[in-house]
Amino acid sequence: MNKEIDEAIVYAKKYLEDLLSFFTLNLDVYATSDDEVIQLSVPSTHLNGFLIGQKGENMRSLQYLTSTALKNNGYDYNRVNVDIADYKKQRADRLKVRAEEWIDKVKKDKQPLELEPMNAADRRVLHQLAAEHGLKSESAGNGRERHIILDYQD
């Protein structure tokens, strides 16, 4: 790791811990980085539901605030992923199980399959899985209607 990303990680960790302290949560946030994305993991608390919010919206807001604080303070590394009580990890694991069914269907039928709209993080997981299984994948649509089309690859 270079010095800049180390400083950005320390700043992001402290910033998120300070934000959580407004909710009377004095927590030690676990912070790492991979592929120039700062990973911040908040341990489970009695406020999980509130911090995660409906469909992860509050968690994404905390992520946005932390990323914006990094940008506003001149850090080159400002891509942030906030996960509360392993919510995103568990969601990705559930998505992978469903994705295996979709992948098997495309391989069996050799026909494209349009999936329901999903957020960017879920689409990223699906693109990676499709590539691992030798399928083509592309995102289509705009905004909240953005979805993936899986297709067979000869």
C-alpha atoms as a PDB file:
ATOM      1  CA  MET A   1       0.000   0.000   0.000  1.00  0.00           C
ATOM      2  CA  ASN A   2       1.185   3.478  -0.689  1.00  0.00           C
ATOM      3  CA  LYS A   3       1.067   6.363   1.734  1.00  0.00           C
ATOM      4  CA  GLU A   4      -1.845   8.147   0.075  1.00  0.00           C
ATOM      5  CA  ILE A   5      -4.237   5.229   0.344  1.00  0.00           C
ATOM      6  CA  ASP A   6      -3.148   4.548   3.929  1.00  0.00           C
ATOM      7  CA  GLU A   7      -3.985   8.158   4.838  1.00  0.00           C
ATOM      8  CA  ALA A   8      -7.309   7.948   3.003  1.00  0.00           C
ATOM      9  CA  ILE A   9      -8.214   4.744   4.878  1.00  0.00           C
ATOM     10  CA  VAL A  10      -7.424   6.330   8.243  1.00  0.00           C
ATOM     11  CA  TYR A  11      -9.449   9.429   7.337  1.00  0.00           C
ATOM     12  CA  ALA A  12     -12.451   7.425   6.052  1.00  0.00           C
ATOM     13  CA  LYS A  13     -12.435   5.156   9.134  1.00  0.00           C
ATOM     14  CA  LYS A  14     -12.339   8.119  11.530  1.00  0.00           C
ATOM     15  CA  TYR A  15     -14.985  10.017   9.538  1.00  0.00           C
ATOM     16  CA  LEU A  16     -17.424   7.081   9.612  1.00  0.00           C
ATOM     17  CA  GLU A  17     -16.744   6.433  13.307  1.00  0.00           C
ATOM     18  CA  ASP A  18     -17.465  10.111  14.009  1.00  0.00           C
ATOM     19  CA  LEU A  19     -20.707   9.930  11.995  1.00  0.00           C
ATOM     20  CA  LEU A  20     -21.809   6.845  13.944  1.00  0.00           C
ATOM     21  CA  SER A  21     -21.042   8.584  17.232  1.00  0.00           C
ATOM     22  CA  PHE A  22     -23.922  10.985  16.465  1.00  0.00           C
ATOM     23  CA  PHE A  23     -26.175   7.940  16.928  1.00  0.00           C
ATOM     24  CA  THR A  24     -24.445   7.185  20.254  1.00  0.00           C
ATOM     25  CA  LEU A  25     -22.536   4.318  18.657  1.00  0.00           C
ATOM     26  CA  ASN A  26     -18.929   4.227  19.708  1.00  0.00           C
ATOM     27  CA  LEU A  27     -17.660   1.524  17.388  1.00  0.00           C
ATOM     28  CA  ASP A  28     -14.367   0.469  15.936  1.00  0.00           C
ATOM     29  CA  VAL A  29     -14.897   0.334  12.167  1.00  0.00           C
ATOM     30  CA  TYR A  30     -12.734  -2.252  10.389  1.00  0.00           C
ATOM     31  CA  ALA A  31     -11.014  -0.637   7.401  1.00  0.00           C
ATOM     32  CA  THR A  32      -9.050  -2.142   4.489  1.00  0.00           C
ATOM     33  CA  SER A  33      -8.694  -1.510   0.778  1.00  0.00           C
ATOM     34  CA  ASP A  34      -8.725  -3.525  -2.411  1.00  0.00           C
ATOM     35  CA  ASP A  35      -8.572  -2.371  -6.010  1.00  0.00           C
ATOM     36  CA  GLU A  36      -8.406   1.240  -4.847  1.00  0.00           C
ATOM     37  CA  VAL A  37     -11.728   0.888  -3.004  1.00  0.00           C
ATOM     38  CA  ILE A  38     -11.730   1.580   0.721  1.00  0.00           C
ATOM     39  CA  GLN A  39     -13.708  -1.143   2.502  1.00  0.00           C
ATOM     40  CA  LEU A  40     -15.343  -0.050   5.774  1.00  0.00           C
ATOM     41  CA  SER A  41     -17.030  -2.736   7.829  1.00  0.00           C
ATOM     42  CA  VAL A  42     -19.277  -1.684  10.714  1.00  0.00           C
ATOM     43  CA  PRO A  43     -19.900  -4.388  13.341  1.00  0.00           C
ATOM     44  CA  SER A  44     -23.408  -5.494  14.252  1.00  0.00           C
ATOM     45  CA  THR A  45     -25.308  -3.327  16.757  1.00  0.00           C
ATOM     46  CA  HIS A  46     -28.842  -2.809  18.034  1.00  0.00           C
ATOM     47  CA  LEU A  47     -29.219  -0.126  15.315  1.00  0.00           C
ATOM     48  CA  ASN A  48     -28.485  -2.385  12.326  1.00  0.00           C
ATOM     49  CA  GLY A  49     -31.946  -1.900  10.820  1.00  0.00           C
ATOM     50  CA  PHE A  50     -31.735   1.872  11.109  1.00  0.00           C
ATOM     51  CA  LEU A  51     -28.170   2.119   9.809  1.00  0.00           C
ATOM     52  CA  ILE A  52     -28.862  -0.184   6.855  1.00  0.00           C
ATOM     53  CA  GLY A  53     -32.263   1.341   6.063  1.00  0.00           C
ATOM     54  CA  GLN A  54     -34.813   0.123   3.561  1.00  0.00           C
ATOM     55  CA  LYS A  55     -33.008  -1.812   0.795  1.00  0.00           C
ATOM     56  CA  GLY A  56     -29.680  -0.487   2.117  1.00  0.00           C
ATOM     57  CA  GLU A  57     -30.471   3.178   1.408  1.00  0.00           C
ATOM     58  CA  ASN A  58     -29.137   4.559   4.715  1.00  0.00           C
ATOM     59  CA  MET A  59     -25.992   2.500   4.340  1.00  0.00           C
ATOM     60  CA  ARG A  60     -25.470   3.885   0.822  1.00  0.00           C
ATOM     61  CA  SER A  61     -25.952   7.386   2.241  1.00  0.00           C
ATOM     62  CA  LEU A  62     -23.212   6.784   4.828  1.00  0.00           C
ATOM     63  CA  GLN A  63     -21.030   5.504   2.002  1.00  0.00           C
ATOM     64  CA  TYR A  64     -21.771   8.616  -0.095  1.00  0.00           C
ATOM     65  CA  LEU A  65     -21.059  10.988   2.795  1.00  0.00           C
ATOM     66  CA  THR A  66     -17.741   9.273   3.521  1.00  0.00           C
ATOM     67  CA  SER A  67     -16.725   9.298  -0.142  1.00  0.00           C
ATOM     68  CA  THR A  68     -17.677  12.970  -0.488  1.00  0.00           C
ATOM     69  CA  ALA A  69     -15.684  13.876   2.636  1.00  0.00           C
ATOM     70  CA  LEU A  70     -12.620  12.184   1.119  1.00  0.00           C
ATOM     71  CA  LYS A  71     -13.063  14.069  -2.179  1.00  0.00           C
ATOM     72  CA  ASN A  72     -13.618  17.396  -0.411  1.00  0.00           C
ATOM     73  CA  ASN A  73     -10.423  16.906   1.581  1.00  0.00           C
ATOM     74  CA  GLY A  74      -8.286  16.240  -1.475  1.00  0.00           C
ATOM     75  CA  TYR A  75      -7.761  12.486  -1.233  1.00  0.00           C
ATOM     76  CA  ASP A  76      -7.036  10.763  -4.539  1.00  0.00           C
ATOM     77  CA  TYR A  77      -8.563   7.558  -3.179  1.00  0.00           C
ATOM     78  CA  ASN A  78     -12.215   8.232  -2.528  1.00  0.00           C
ATOM     79  CA  ARG A  79     -14.132   5.155  -3.653  1.00  0.00           C
ATOM     80  CA  VAL A  80     -15.719   3.725  -0.521  1.00  0.00           C
ATOM     81  CA  ASN A  81     -17.739   0.622   0.249  1.00  0.00           C
ATOM     82  CA  VAL A  82     -19.558   0.646   3.606  1.00  0.00           C
ATOM     83  CA  ASP A  83     -20.975  -2.664   4.868  1.00  0.00           C
ATOM     84  CA  ILE A  84     -22.967  -2.857   8.076  1.00  0.00           C
ATOM     85  CA  ALA A  85     -23.175  -6.190   9.923  1.00  0.00           C
ATOM     86  CA  ASP A  86     -22.108  -7.980   6.689  1.00  0.00           C
ATOM     87  CA  TYR A  87     -25.381  -6.950   5.008  1.00  0.00           C
ATOM     88  CA  LYS A  88     -23.786  -6.520   1.569  1.00  0.00           C
ATOM     89  CA  LYS A  89     -21.770  -9.720   1.872  1.00  0.00           C
ATOM     90  CA  GLN A  90     -24.879 -11.735   2.767  1.00  0.00           C
ATOM     91  CA  ARG A  91     -26.841 -10.052  -0.023  1.00  0.00           C
ATOM     92  CA  ALA A  92     -24.092 -10.894  -2.546  1.00  0.00           C
ATOM     93  CA  ASP A  93     -24.063 -14.514  -1.328  1.00  0.00           C
ATOM     94  CA  ARG A  94     -27.859 -14.775  -1.837  1.00  0.00           C
ATOM     95  CA  LEU A  95     -27.530 -13.165  -5.261  1.00  0.00           C
ATOM     96  CA  LYS A  96     -24.841 -15.674  -6.257  1.00  0.00           C
ATOM     97  CA  VAL A  97     -27.192 -18.567  -5.479  1.00  0.00           C
ATOM     98  CA  ARG A  98     -29.904 -17.053  -7.713  1.00  0.00           C
ATOM     99  CA  ALA A  99     -27.328 -16.178 -10.382  1.00  0.00           C
ATOM    100  CA  GLU A 100     -26.222 -19.816 -10.628  1.00  0.00           C
ATOM    101  CA  GLU A 101     -29.803 -20.714 -11.636  1.00  0.00           C
ATOM    102  CA  TRP A 102     -29.888 -17.960 -14.267  1.00  0.00           C
ATOM    103  CA  ILE A 103     -26.477 -18.985 -15.615  1.00  0.00           C
ATOM    104  CA  ASP A 104     -27.541 -22.638 -15.829  1.00  0.00           C
ATOM    105  CA  LYS A 105     -30.732 -21.619 -17.686  1.00  0.00           C
ATOM    106  CA  VAL A 106     -28.795 -19.547 -20.253  1.00  0.00           C
ATOM    107  CA  LYS A 107     -26.288 -22.366 -20.796  1.00  0.00           C
ATOM    108  CA  LYS A 108     -29.070 -24.941 -21.179  1.00  0.00           C
ATOM    109  CA  ASP A 109     -31.378 -22.870 -23.420  1.00  0.00           C
ATOM    110  CA  LYS A 110     -28.592 -21.032 -25.287  1.00  0.00           C
ATOM    111  CA  GLN A 111     -30.918 -18.012 -25.256  1.00  0.00           C
ATOM    112  CA  PRO A 112     -30.384 -14.536 -23.764  1.00  0.00           C
ATOM    113  CA  LEU A 113     -32.000 -13.867 -20.394  1.00  0.00           C
ATOM    114  CA  GLU A 114     -33.063 -10.379 -19.279  1.00  0.00           C
ATOM    115  CA  LEU A 115     -32.966  -9.955 -15.521  1.00  0.00           C
ATOM    116  CA  GLU A 116     -34.930  -7.582 -13.330  1.00  0.00           C
ATOM    117  CA  PRO A 117     -33.495  -4.109 -12.609  1.00  0.00           C
ATOM    118  CA  MET A 118     -30.835  -4.071  -9.905  1.00  0.00           C
ATOM    119  CA  ASN A 119     -28.373  -1.702  -8.296  1.00  0.00           C
ATOM    120  CA  ALA A 120     -24.800  -1.217  -9.487  1.00  0.00           C
ATOM    121  CA  ALA A 121     -23.260  -3.419  -6.787  1.00  0.00           C
ATOM    122  CA  ASP A 122     -25.532  -6.355  -7.684  1.00  0.00           C
ATOM    123  CA  ARG A 123     -24.848  -5.867 -11.402  1.00  0.00           C
ATOM    124  CA  ARG A 124     -21.099  -5.912 -10.703  1.00  0.00           C
ATOM    125  CA  VAL A 125     -21.453  -9.253  -8.876  1.00  0.00           C
ATOM    126  CA  LEU A 126     -23.410 -10.682 -11.810  1.00  0.00           C
ATOM    127  CA  HIS A 127     -20.951  -9.442 -14.442  1.00  0.00           C
ATOM    128  CA  GLN A 128     -18.119 -11.136 -12.523  1.00  0.00           C
ATOM    129  CA  LEU A 129     -20.038 -14.405 -12.169  1.00  0.00           C
ATOM    130  CA  ALA A 130     -21.069 -14.438 -15.820  1.00  0.00           C
ATOM    131  CA  ALA A 131     -17.439 -13.965 -16.894  1.00  0.00           C
ATOM    132  CA  GLU A 132     -16.316 -16.767 -14.559  1.00  0.00           C
ATOM    133  CA  HIS A 133     -18.875 -19.081 -16.205  1.00  0.00           C
ATOM    134  CA  GLY A 134     -18.019 -18.092 -19.762  1.00  0.00           C
ATOM    135  CA  LEU A 135     -21.172 -16.086 -20.451  1.00  0.00           C
ATOM    136  CA  LYS A 136     -21.542 -12.641 -21.956  1.00  0.00           C
ATOM    137  CA  SER A 137     -23.256 -10.020 -19.836  1.00  0.00           C
ATOM    138  CA  GLU A 138     -24.253  -6.471 -20.568  1.00  0.00           C
ATOM    139  CA  SER A 139     -26.093  -3.773 -18.688  1.00  0.00           C
ATOM    140  CA  ALA A 140     -29.103  -2.212 -20.392  1.00  0.00           C
ATOM    141  CA  GLY A 141     -31.620   0.461 -19.476  1.00  0.00           C
ATOM    142  CA  ASN A 142     -31.249   3.702 -17.558  1.00  0.00           C
ATOM    143  CA  GLY A 143     -31.470   4.764 -13.942  1.00  0.00           C
ATOM    144  CA  ARG A 144     -33.576   2.509 -11.744  1.00  0.00           C
ATOM    145  CA  GLU A 145     -34.464   0.380 -14.787  1.00  0.00           C
ATOM    146  CA  ARG A 146     -30.831  -0.629 -15.405  1.00  0.00           C
ATOM    147  CA  HIS A 147     -30.593  -4.415 -15.639  1.00  0.00           C
ATOM    148  CA  ILE A 148     -28.393  -7.191 -16.975  1.00  0.00           C
ATOM    149  CA  ILE A 149     -28.822  -9.351 -20.032  1.00  0.00           C
ATOM    150  CA  LEU A 150     -27.012 -12.689 -19.811  1.00  0.00           C
ATOM    151  CA  ASP A 151     -26.190 -14.380 -23.097  1.00  0.00           C
ATOM    152  CA  TYR A 152     -24.594 -17.605 -24.234  1.00  0.00           C
ATOM    153  CA  GLN A 153     -21.085 -17.364 -25.645  1.00  0.00           C
ATOM    154  CA  ASP A 154     -19.881 -19.844 -28.263  1.00  0.00           C
END
